[in-house]
Amino acid sequence: MLDARTETDTLLEVNNIEVIYNHVILVLKGVSLKVPKGGITALLGGNGAGKTTTLKAISNLLHSERGEVTKGSILYHGEPVAAQNPADLVKRGVIQVMEGRHCFEHLTVEENLLTGAYTRRAGGGTVAEDLEKVYTYFPRLKERRKSQAGYTSGGEQQMCAIGRALMSKPETILLDEPSMGLAPQLVEEIFGIVKDLNEREGVSFLLAEQNTNVALRFAHYGYILESGRIVMDGPAAELRENPDVKEFYLGMSEEGRKSFRDVRSYRRRKRWLS
């Protein structure tokens, strides 16, 4: 758990950003969030809520999809990142693990991992040491290190993608939908490794995730995103127990599933009338 010092040590700050695609489609509408140094921060929401767009705005990967940040600012260590390209951000310690794993299918697992060290200037010995450290966290990858990545399982490819990010010696990992398409047991394993990397290596995480239950068990703080807006945030332990969050993510009302804002407004009216 974060101590009092790291809770106030902001590493990444997103201030009221708006994102537009193709000059007309407004996707993010005033999103603000903070990632403290040494923290695991969850960005929660359903498909299409804007989670991936938020991560790509931070890592400056929007331009390849005709998207741009039109308002607000994104700061890393207090400095704006808008003018930096993705490679510069990787050198500064910010790397994104894309949704869908995105391994180099025709390379071996080990070759995939080594591509993560491409931007580093460290000698071969240091890279070899870091490779062994990755294998310590992901022993299954060591077993499959000579296999072509395209012939490994979905869980192994997700491990490979995270391991490749670790080879760049990141300070912050933006992790997009790590549970997607994985069996529950593998999801628990992946999130357990994220927790170990956070606690042992000091890596900070901003993870976008639809699996709210798992994410809030491992995260320190969470933001709930709906239709491009942050509708609620708070410590993960409090969000897990929040009745609005429980109703929105865990159950169906008699009238069917409602939006989070409808649920919250309904509860406010009910408390006001009682």
C-alpha atoms as a PDB file:
ATOM      1  CA  MET A   1       0.000   0.000   0.000  1.00  0.00           C
ATOM      2  CA  LEU A   2       1.145   3.498  -0.754  1.00  0.00           C
ATOM      3  CA  ASP A   3       2.545   5.485   2.130  1.00  0.00           C
ATOM      4  CA  ALA A   4       1.686   9.114   2.871  1.00  0.00           C
ATOM      5  CA  ARG A   5       4.690  10.378   0.930  1.00  0.00           C
ATOM      6  CA  THR A   6       3.931   8.628  -2.374  1.00  0.00           C
ATOM      7  CA  GLU A   7       0.245   9.516  -2.194  1.00  0.00           C
ATOM      8  CA  THR A   8       1.162  13.167  -2.637  1.00  0.00           C
ATOM      9  CA  ASP A   9       3.997  12.606  -5.134  1.00  0.00           C
ATOM     10  CA  THR A  10       2.200  12.996  -8.468  1.00  0.00           C
ATOM     11  CA  LEU A  11       4.018  11.347 -11.358  1.00  0.00           C
ATOM     12  CA  LEU A  12       1.489  11.777 -14.167  1.00  0.00           C
ATOM     13  CA  GLU A  13      -1.225  14.424 -14.310  1.00  0.00           C
ATOM     14  CA  VAL A  14      -3.996  14.727 -16.904  1.00  0.00           C
ATOM     15  CA  ASN A  15      -5.787  18.072 -16.701  1.00  0.00           C
ATOM     16  CA  ASN A  16      -9.226  18.520 -18.277  1.00  0.00           C
ATOM     17  CA  ILE A  17      -8.328  17.109 -21.690  1.00  0.00           C
ATOM     18  CA  GLU A  18     -10.598  16.875 -24.699  1.00  0.00           C
ATOM     19  CA  VAL A  19      -9.836  14.557 -27.609  1.00  0.00           C
ATOM     20  CA  ILE A  20     -11.312  14.830 -31.087  1.00  0.00           C
ATOM     21  CA  TYR A  21     -11.003  12.311 -33.937  1.00  0.00           C
ATOM     22  CA  ASN A  22     -11.132  13.360 -37.587  1.00  0.00           C
ATOM     23  CA  HIS A  23     -11.667  16.979 -36.489  1.00  0.00           C
ATOM     24  CA  VAL A  24     -15.329  16.308 -35.614  1.00  0.00           C
ATOM     25  CA  ILE A  25     -15.836  13.373 -33.219  1.00  0.00           C
ATOM     26  CA  LEU A  26     -15.501  14.422 -29.571  1.00  0.00           C
ATOM     27  CA  VAL A  27     -14.376  11.351 -27.604  1.00  0.00           C
ATOM     28  CA  LEU A  28     -13.000  12.697 -24.315  1.00  0.00           C
ATOM     29  CA  LYS A  29     -14.819  15.564 -22.605  1.00  0.00           C
ATOM     30  CA  GLY A  30     -12.766  17.139 -19.847  1.00  0.00           C
ATOM     31  CA  VAL A  31     -10.946  14.099 -18.429  1.00  0.00           C
ATOM     32  CA  SER A  32      -8.691  14.711 -15.415  1.00  0.00           C
ATOM     33  CA  LEU A  33      -6.744  12.160 -13.392  1.00  0.00           C
ATOM     34  CA  LYS A  34      -3.522  11.718 -11.440  1.00  0.00           C
ATOM     35  CA  VAL A  35      -1.128   8.792 -11.116  1.00  0.00           C
ATOM     36  CA  PRO A  36       1.067   8.925  -7.986  1.00  0.00           C
ATOM     37  CA  LYS A  37       4.606   7.629  -8.016  1.00  0.00           C
ATOM     38  CA  GLY A  38       4.619   4.001  -6.966  1.00  0.00           C
ATOM     39  CA  GLY A  39       0.870   3.587  -7.386  1.00  0.00           C
ATOM     40  CA  ILE A  40      -1.499   1.346  -9.294  1.00  0.00           C
ATOM     41  CA  THR A  41      -4.289   3.501 -10.693  1.00  0.00           C
ATOM     42  CA  ALA A  42      -7.276   1.921 -12.440  1.00  0.00           C
ATOM     43  CA  LEU A  43      -9.238   3.588 -15.235  1.00  0.00           C
ATOM     44  CA  LEU A  44     -12.547   1.742 -15.342  1.00  0.00           C
ATOM     45  CA  GLY A  45     -15.460   1.736 -17.746  1.00  0.00           C
ATOM     46  CA  GLY A  46     -17.276  -0.240 -20.393  1.00  0.00           C
ATOM     47  CA  ASN A  47     -16.334  -0.715 -24.001  1.00  0.00           C
ATOM     48  CA  GLY A  48     -16.280   2.659 -25.776  1.00  0.00           C
ATOM     49  CA  ALA A  49     -16.031   4.714 -22.584  1.00  0.00           C
ATOM     50  CA  GLY A  50     -12.750   6.309 -23.704  1.00  0.00           C
ATOM     51  CA  LYS A  51     -10.180   4.337 -21.698  1.00  0.00           C
ATOM     52  CA  THR A  52      -7.907   3.437 -24.611  1.00  0.00           C
ATOM     53  CA  THR A  53      -8.161   6.953 -26.009  1.00  0.00           C
ATOM     54  CA  THR A  54      -7.024   8.344 -22.645  1.00  0.00           C
ATOM     55  CA  LEU A  55      -3.954   6.098 -22.623  1.00  0.00           C
ATOM     56  CA  LYS A  56      -3.093   6.954 -26.215  1.00  0.00           C
ATOM     57  CA  ALA A  57      -3.451  10.656 -25.443  1.00  0.00           C
ATOM     58  CA  ILE A  58      -0.870  10.248 -22.679  1.00  0.00           C
ATOM     59  CA  SER A  59       1.559   8.235 -24.816  1.00  0.00           C
ATOM     60  CA  ASN A  60       1.044  10.502 -27.874  1.00  0.00           C
ATOM     61  CA  LEU A  61      -0.224   7.691 -30.100  1.00  0.00           C
ATOM     62  CA  LEU A  62      -3.376   9.504 -31.233  1.00  0.00           C
ATOM     63  CA  HIS A  63      -1.969  11.066 -34.398  1.00  0.00           C
ATOM     64  CA  SER A  64      -1.694   7.712 -36.156  1.00  0.00           C
ATOM     65  CA  GLU A  65      -5.487   7.407 -35.798  1.00  0.00           C
ATOM     66  CA  ARG A  66      -6.317  11.011 -36.796  1.00  0.00           C
ATOM     67  CA  GLY A  67      -6.933  11.985 -33.203  1.00  0.00           C
ATOM     68  CA  GLU A  68      -5.651  14.965 -31.238  1.00  0.00           C
ATOM     69  CA  VAL A  69      -5.833  16.564 -27.817  1.00  0.00           C
ATOM     70  CA  THR A  70      -7.606  19.866 -28.437  1.00  0.00           C
ATOM     71  CA  LYS A  71      -7.908  21.155 -24.854  1.00  0.00           C
ATOM     72  CA  GLY A  72      -6.234  20.619 -21.501  1.00  0.00           C
ATOM     73  CA  SER A  73      -2.738  19.400 -20.673  1.00  0.00           C
ATOM     74  CA  ILE A  74      -0.828  16.245 -19.806  1.00  0.00           C
ATOM     75  CA  LEU A  75       2.157  16.557 -17.457  1.00  0.00           C
ATOM     76  CA  TYR A  76       4.809  14.016 -16.552  1.00  0.00           C
ATOM     77  CA  HIS A  77       7.016  14.996 -13.623  1.00  0.00           C
ATOM     78  CA  GLY A  78       5.365  18.396 -13.953  1.00  0.00           C
ATOM     79  CA  GLU A  79       6.472  18.887 -17.565  1.00  0.00           C
ATOM     80  CA  PRO A  80       4.102  18.906 -20.583  1.00  0.00           C
ATOM     81  CA  VAL A  81       4.438  15.938 -22.931  1.00  0.00           C
ATOM     82  CA  ALA A  82       2.443  17.220 -25.913  1.00  0.00           C
ATOM     83  CA  ALA A  83       5.535  18.060 -27.972  1.00  0.00           C
ATOM     84  CA  GLN A  84       7.250  14.717 -27.378  1.00  0.00           C
ATOM     85  CA  ASN A  85       6.904  11.747 -29.680  1.00  0.00           C
ATOM     86  CA  PRO A  86       6.188   8.247 -28.314  1.00  0.00           C
ATOM     87  CA  ALA A  87       9.847   7.215 -28.541  1.00  0.00           C
ATOM     88  CA  ASP A  88      10.886  10.210 -26.426  1.00  0.00           C
ATOM     89  CA  LEU A  89       8.331   9.233 -23.803  1.00  0.00           C
ATOM     90  CA  VAL A  90       9.662   5.686 -23.718  1.00  0.00           C
ATOM     91  CA  LYS A  91      13.129   7.086 -23.032  1.00  0.00           C
ATOM     92  CA  ARG A  92      11.610   9.150 -20.207  1.00  0.00           C
ATOM     93  CA  GLY A  93      10.158   5.991 -18.702  1.00  0.00           C
ATOM     94  CA  VAL A  94       6.562   5.949 -19.997  1.00  0.00           C
ATOM     95  CA  ILE A  95       5.519   2.964 -22.108  1.00  0.00           C
ATOM     96  CA  GLN A  96       2.139   1.648 -23.196  1.00  0.00           C
ATOM     97  CA  VAL A  97       1.194  -2.022 -23.443  1.00  0.00           C
ATOM     98  CA  MET A  98      -1.469  -2.002 -26.130  1.00  0.00           C
ATOM     99  CA  GLU A  99      -4.821  -3.724 -25.977  1.00  0.00           C
ATOM    100  CA  GLY A 100      -4.719  -7.058 -27.775  1.00  0.00           C
ATOM    101  CA  ARG A 101      -1.105  -7.852 -26.783  1.00  0.00           C
ATOM    102  CA  HIS A 102       0.529  -6.992 -30.155  1.00  0.00           C
ATOM    103  CA  CYS A 103       3.547  -9.297 -30.115  1.00  0.00           C
ATOM    104  CA  PHE A 104       5.797  -9.696 -33.135  1.00  0.00           C
ATOM    105  CA  GLU A 105       4.332 -13.016 -34.214  1.00  0.00           C
ATOM    106  CA  HIS A 106       7.237 -14.270 -36.324  1.00  0.00           C
ATOM    107  CA  LEU A 107       9.879 -13.507 -33.690  1.00  0.00           C
ATOM    108  CA  THR A 108      10.565 -15.808 -30.780  1.00  0.00           C
ATOM    109  CA  VAL A 109       9.412 -14.889 -27.304  1.00  0.00           C
ATOM    110  CA  GLU A 110      12.967 -13.966 -26.329  1.00  0.00           C
ATOM    111  CA  GLU A 111      13.478 -11.859 -29.458  1.00  0.00           C
ATOM    112  CA  ASN A 112      10.236 -10.027 -28.614  1.00  0.00           C
ATOM    113  CA  LEU A 113      11.532  -9.303 -25.132  1.00  0.00           C
ATOM    114  CA  LEU A 114      14.858  -8.036 -26.425  1.00  0.00           C
ATOM    115  CA  THR A 115      13.141  -5.530 -28.735  1.00  0.00           C
ATOM    116  CA  GLY A 116      11.979  -3.796 -25.541  1.00  0.00           C
ATOM    117  CA  ALA A 117      15.587  -2.858 -24.770  1.00  0.00           C
ATOM    118  CA  TYR A 118      16.124  -1.239 -28.168  1.00  0.00           C
ATOM    119  CA  THR A 119      15.944   2.342 -26.862  1.00  0.00           C
ATOM    120  CA  ARG A 120      18.403   1.691 -24.046  1.00  0.00           C
ATOM    121  CA  ARG A 121      22.090   2.471 -24.088  1.00  0.00           C
ATOM    122  CA  ALA A 122      23.010  -0.122 -21.505  1.00  0.00           C
ATOM    123  CA  GLY A 123      25.586  -2.774 -22.277  1.00  0.00           C
ATOM    124  CA  GLY A 124      24.726  -6.339 -23.155  1.00  0.00           C
ATOM    125  CA  GLY A 125      25.435  -7.596 -19.667  1.00  0.00           C
ATOM    126  CA  THR A 126      22.836  -5.323 -18.105  1.00  0.00           C
ATOM    127  CA  VAL A 127      20.264  -6.274 -20.736  1.00  0.00           C
ATOM    128  CA  ALA A 128      20.972  -9.954 -20.051  1.00  0.00           C
ATOM    129  CA  GLU A 129      20.442  -9.382 -16.336  1.00  0.00           C
ATOM    130  CA  ASP A 130      17.126  -7.643 -16.982  1.00  0.00           C
ATOM    131  CA  LEU A 131      16.064 -10.467 -19.285  1.00  0.00           C
ATOM    132  CA  GLU A 132      16.657 -12.949 -16.476  1.00  0.00           C
ATOM    133  CA  LYS A 133      14.659 -10.713 -14.142  1.00  0.00           C
ATOM    134  CA  VAL A 134      11.748 -10.788 -16.602  1.00  0.00           C
ATOM    135  CA  TYR A 135      12.002 -14.578 -16.661  1.00  0.00           C
ATOM    136  CA  THR A 136      11.868 -14.552 -12.865  1.00  0.00           C
ATOM    137  CA  TYR A 137       8.506 -12.783 -12.980  1.00  0.00           C
ATOM    138  CA  PHE A 138       7.301 -14.789 -15.982  1.00  0.00           C
ATOM    139  CA  PRO A 139       8.790 -18.303 -15.692  1.00  0.00           C
ATOM    140  CA  ARG A 140       6.424 -19.525 -18.405  1.00  0.00           C
ATOM    141  CA  LEU A 141       8.141 -17.198 -20.868  1.00  0.00           C
ATOM    142  CA  LYS A 142      11.487 -18.795 -20.088  1.00  0.00           C
ATOM    143  CA  GLU A 143      10.007 -22.174 -20.950  1.00  0.00           C
ATOM    144  CA  ARG A 144       8.708 -20.796 -24.257  1.00  0.00           C
ATOM    145  CA  ARG A 145      11.577 -18.419 -25.008  1.00  0.00           C
ATOM    146  CA  LYS A 146      12.547 -20.181 -28.283  1.00  0.00           C
ATOM    147  CA  SER A 147       8.961 -20.498 -29.521  1.00  0.00           C
ATOM    148  CA  GLN A 148       7.518 -18.129 -32.092  1.00  0.00           C
ATOM    149  CA  ALA A 149       5.307 -15.665 -30.231  1.00  0.00           C
ATOM    150  CA  GLY A 150       2.445 -16.162 -32.689  1.00  0.00           C
ATOM    151  CA  TYR A 151       2.151 -19.798 -31.625  1.00  0.00           C
ATOM    152  CA  THR A 152       1.915 -19.098 -27.899  1.00  0.00           C
ATOM    153  CA  SER A 153      -1.312 -18.785 -25.909  1.00  0.00           C
ATOM    154  CA  GLY A 154      -3.154 -15.534 -25.286  1.00  0.00           C
ATOM    155  CA  GLY A 155      -1.947 -15.459 -21.695  1.00  0.00           C
ATOM    156  CA  GLU A 156       1.647 -16.031 -22.753  1.00  0.00           C
ATOM    157  CA  GLN A 157       1.397 -13.256 -25.330  1.00  0.00           C
ATOM    158  CA  GLN A 158       0.096 -10.875 -22.673  1.00  0.00           C
ATOM    159  CA  MET A 159       3.011 -11.819 -20.433  1.00  0.00           C
ATOM    160  CA  CYS A 160       5.362 -11.288 -23.377  1.00  0.00           C
ATOM    161  CA  ALA A 161       3.935  -7.815 -24.039  1.00  0.00           C
ATOM    162  CA  ILE A 162       4.357  -6.789 -20.393  1.00  0.00           C
ATOM    163  CA  GLY A 163       7.819  -8.355 -20.232  1.00  0.00           C
ATOM    164  CA  ARG A 164       8.859  -6.474 -23.371  1.00  0.00           C
ATOM    165  CA  ALA A 165       7.729  -3.226 -21.727  1.00  0.00           C
ATOM    166  CA  LEU A 166       9.797  -4.069 -18.643  1.00  0.00           C
ATOM    167  CA  MET A 167      12.907  -4.438 -20.779  1.00  0.00           C
ATOM    168  CA  SER A 168      12.761  -0.693 -21.492  1.00  0.00           C
ATOM    169  CA  LYS A 169      13.264  -0.049 -17.736  1.00  0.00           C
ATOM    170  CA  PRO A 170      10.006   1.904 -17.408  1.00  0.00           C
ATOM    171  CA  GLU A 171       8.994   4.134 -14.548  1.00  0.00           C
ATOM    172  CA  THR A 172       5.339   4.065 -15.617  1.00  0.00           C
ATOM    173  CA  ILE A 173       3.419   1.437 -17.607  1.00  0.00           C
ATOM    174  CA  LEU A 174       0.114   2.269 -19.303  1.00  0.00           C
ATOM    175  CA  LEU A 175      -1.574  -1.125 -19.406  1.00  0.00           C
ATOM    176  CA  ASP A 176      -4.604  -1.425 -21.683  1.00  0.00           C
ATOM    177  CA  GLU A 177      -7.182  -4.167 -20.961  1.00  0.00           C
ATOM    178  CA  PRO A 178      -4.772  -6.787 -19.576  1.00  0.00           C
ATOM    179  CA  SER A 179      -7.619  -9.233 -18.831  1.00  0.00           C
ATOM    180  CA  MET A 180      -9.193  -9.167 -22.298  1.00  0.00           C
ATOM    181  CA  GLY A 181      -9.810 -12.642 -23.666  1.00  0.00           C
ATOM    182  CA  LEU A 182      -8.078 -14.440 -20.803  1.00  0.00           C
ATOM    183  CA  ALA A 183      -9.421 -17.148 -18.513  1.00  0.00           C
ATOM    184  CA  PRO A 184     -10.089 -16.035 -14.906  1.00  0.00           C
ATOM    185  CA  GLN A 185      -7.097 -17.964 -13.538  1.00  0.00           C
ATOM    186  CA  LEU A 186      -4.763 -16.250 -16.002  1.00  0.00           C
ATOM    187  CA  VAL A 187      -6.275 -12.861 -15.181  1.00  0.00           C
ATOM    188  CA  GLU A 188      -5.465 -13.396 -11.509  1.00  0.00           C
ATOM    189  CA  GLU A 189      -1.925 -14.419 -12.442  1.00  0.00           C
ATOM    190  CA  ILE A 190      -1.368 -11.346 -14.629  1.00  0.00           C
ATOM    191  CA  PHE A 191      -2.691  -8.948 -11.986  1.00  0.00           C
ATOM    192  CA  GLY A 192      -0.627 -10.689  -9.302  1.00  0.00           C
ATOM    193  CA  ILE A 193       2.494 -10.051 -11.384  1.00  0.00           C
ATOM    194  CA  VAL A 194       1.480  -6.397 -11.832  1.00  0.00           C
ATOM    195  CA  LYS A 195       1.219  -6.109  -8.055  1.00  0.00           C
ATOM    196  CA  ASP A 196       4.657  -7.721  -7.592  1.00  0.00           C
ATOM    197  CA  LEU A 197       6.240  -5.402 -10.159  1.00  0.00           C
ATOM    198  CA  ASN A 198       4.706  -2.419  -8.407  1.00  0.00           C
ATOM    199  CA  GLU A 199       5.829  -3.465  -4.938  1.00  0.00           C
ATOM    200  CA  ARG A 200       9.264  -4.916  -5.757  1.00  0.00           C
ATOM    201  CA  GLU A 201      10.403  -2.836  -8.729  1.00  0.00           C
ATOM    202  CA  GLY A 202       8.545   0.391  -7.939  1.00  0.00           C
ATOM    203  CA  VAL A 203       6.850   0.512 -11.356  1.00  0.00           C
ATOM    204  CA  SER A 204       3.792   2.786 -11.430  1.00  0.00           C
ATOM    205  CA  PHE A 205       0.768   1.585 -13.395  1.00  0.00           C
ATOM    206  CA  LEU A 206      -2.192   3.247 -15.050  1.00  0.00           C
ATOM    207  CA  LEU A 207      -4.344   0.356 -16.178  1.00  0.00           C
ATOM    208  CA  ALA A 208      -7.484   0.603 -18.300  1.00  0.00           C
ATOM    209  CA  GLU A 209      -9.790  -2.270 -17.488  1.00  0.00           C
ATOM    210  CA  GLN A 210     -13.387  -3.446 -17.921  1.00  0.00           C
ATOM    211  CA  ASN A 211     -13.045  -6.124 -15.242  1.00  0.00           C
ATOM    212  CA  THR A 212     -13.901  -3.815 -12.349  1.00  0.00           C
ATOM    213  CA  ASN A 213     -13.881  -6.468  -9.638  1.00  0.00           C
ATOM    214  CA  VAL A 214     -10.330  -7.613 -10.326  1.00  0.00           C
ATOM    215  CA  ALA A 215      -8.956  -4.137 -11.028  1.00  0.00           C
ATOM    216  CA  LEU A 216     -10.249  -2.644  -7.775  1.00  0.00           C
ATOM    217  CA  ARG A 217      -8.776  -5.506  -5.751  1.00  0.00           C
ATOM    218  CA  PHE A 218      -5.283  -4.761  -7.014  1.00  0.00           C
ATOM    219  CA  ALA A 219      -5.384  -0.998  -7.601  1.00  0.00           C
ATOM    220  CA  HIS A 220      -4.845   1.727  -5.005  1.00  0.00           C
ATOM    221  CA  TYR A 221      -7.102   4.304  -6.633  1.00  0.00           C
ATOM    222  CA  GLY A 222      -9.723   4.217  -9.357  1.00  0.00           C
ATOM    223  CA  TYR A 223     -11.471   6.466 -11.861  1.00  0.00           C
ATOM    224  CA  ILE A 224     -14.736   5.507 -13.553  1.00  0.00           C
ATOM    225  CA  LEU A 225     -15.091   6.728 -17.118  1.00  0.00           C
ATOM    226  CA  GLU A 226     -18.387   6.867 -18.982  1.00  0.00           C
ATOM    227  CA  SER A 227     -19.010   8.358 -22.413  1.00  0.00           C
ATOM    228  CA  GLY A 228     -15.727  10.250 -22.304  1.00  0.00           C
ATOM    229  CA  ARG A 229     -16.188  11.763 -18.827  1.00  0.00           C
ATOM    230  CA  ILE A 230     -14.945  10.854 -15.366  1.00  0.00           C
ATOM    231  CA  VAL A 231     -18.130  10.218 -13.375  1.00  0.00           C
ATOM    232  CA  MET A 232     -16.566   9.044 -10.106  1.00  0.00           C
ATOM    233  CA  ASP A 233     -13.169   8.486  -8.493  1.00  0.00           C
ATOM    234  CA  GLY A 234     -11.783   7.469  -5.126  1.00  0.00           C
ATOM    235  CA  PRO A 235      -9.606   4.965  -3.248  1.00  0.00           C
ATOM    236  CA  ALA A 236     -10.138   1.485  -4.648  1.00  0.00           C
ATOM    237  CA  ALA A 237     -11.299   0.069  -1.318  1.00  0.00           C
ATOM    238  CA  GLU A 238     -14.037   2.719  -1.098  1.00  0.00           C
ATOM    239  CA  LEU A 239     -15.138   2.218  -4.704  1.00  0.00           C
ATOM    240  CA  ARG A 240     -15.480  -1.527  -4.095  1.00  0.00           C
ATOM    241  CA  GLU A 241     -17.984  -0.830  -1.328  1.00  0.00           C
ATOM    242  CA  ASN A 242     -19.806   2.042  -3.006  1.00  0.00           C
ATOM    243  CA  PRO A 243     -23.478   1.083  -3.575  1.00  0.00           C
ATOM    244  CA  ASP A 244     -23.660   2.972  -6.873  1.00  0.00           C
ATOM    245  CA  VAL A 245     -20.618   1.138  -8.228  1.00  0.00           C
ATOM    246  CA  LYS A 246     -22.035  -2.179  -7.042  1.00  0.00           C
ATOM    247  CA  GLU A 247     -25.361  -1.521  -8.726  1.00  0.00           C
ATOM    248  CA  PHE A 248     -23.880  -0.317 -11.981  1.00  0.00           C
ATOM    249  CA  TYR A 249     -21.261  -3.038 -12.405  1.00  0.00           C
ATOM    250  CA  LEU A 250     -22.761  -6.003 -10.590  1.00  0.00           C
ATOM    251  CA  GLY A 251     -26.503  -5.974 -11.095  1.00  0.00           C
ATOM    252  CA  MET A 252     -29.493  -5.216 -13.232  1.00  0.00           C
ATOM    253  CA  SER A 253     -32.303  -3.044 -11.931  1.00  0.00           C
ATOM    254  CA  GLU A 254     -35.939  -3.926 -12.540  1.00  0.00           C
ATOM    255  CA  GLU A 255     -35.866  -1.434 -15.398  1.00  0.00           C
ATOM    256  CA  GLY A 256     -32.695  -2.891 -16.893  1.00  0.00           C
ATOM    257  CA  ARG A 257     -29.154  -1.581 -16.804  1.00  0.00           C
ATOM    258  CA  LYS A 258     -28.910   2.181 -16.483  1.00  0.00           C
ATOM    259  CA  SER A 259     -26.014   4.506 -17.038  1.00  0.00           C
ATOM    260  CA  PHE A 260     -23.841   5.259 -14.027  1.00  0.00           C
ATOM    261  CA  ARG A 261     -24.976   8.875 -14.011  1.00  0.00           C
ATOM    262  CA  ASP A 262     -28.642   7.779 -13.999  1.00  0.00           C
ATOM    263  CA  VAL A 263     -27.981   5.451 -11.067  1.00  0.00           C
ATOM    264  CA  ARG A 264     -26.142   8.149  -9.148  1.00  0.00           C
ATOM    265  CA  SER A 265     -28.862  10.753  -9.795  1.00  0.00           C
ATOM    266  CA  TYR A 266     -31.556   8.298  -8.770  1.00  0.00           C
ATOM    267  CA  ARG A 267     -29.809   7.596  -5.480  1.00  0.00           C
ATOM    268  CA  ARG A 268     -29.333  11.300  -4.823  1.00  0.00           C
ATOM    269  CA  ARG A 269     -33.048  11.929  -5.371  1.00  0.00           C
ATOM    270  CA  LYS A 270     -33.988   8.992  -3.177  1.00  0.00           C
ATOM    271  CA  ARG A 271     -31.775  10.219  -0.310  1.00  0.00           C
ATOM    272  CA  TRP A 272     -33.134  13.768  -0.700  1.00  0.00           C
ATOM    273  CA  LEU A 273     -36.780  12.615  -0.587  1.00  0.00           C
ATOM    274  CA  SER A 274     -36.332  10.282   2.371  1.00  0.00           C
END
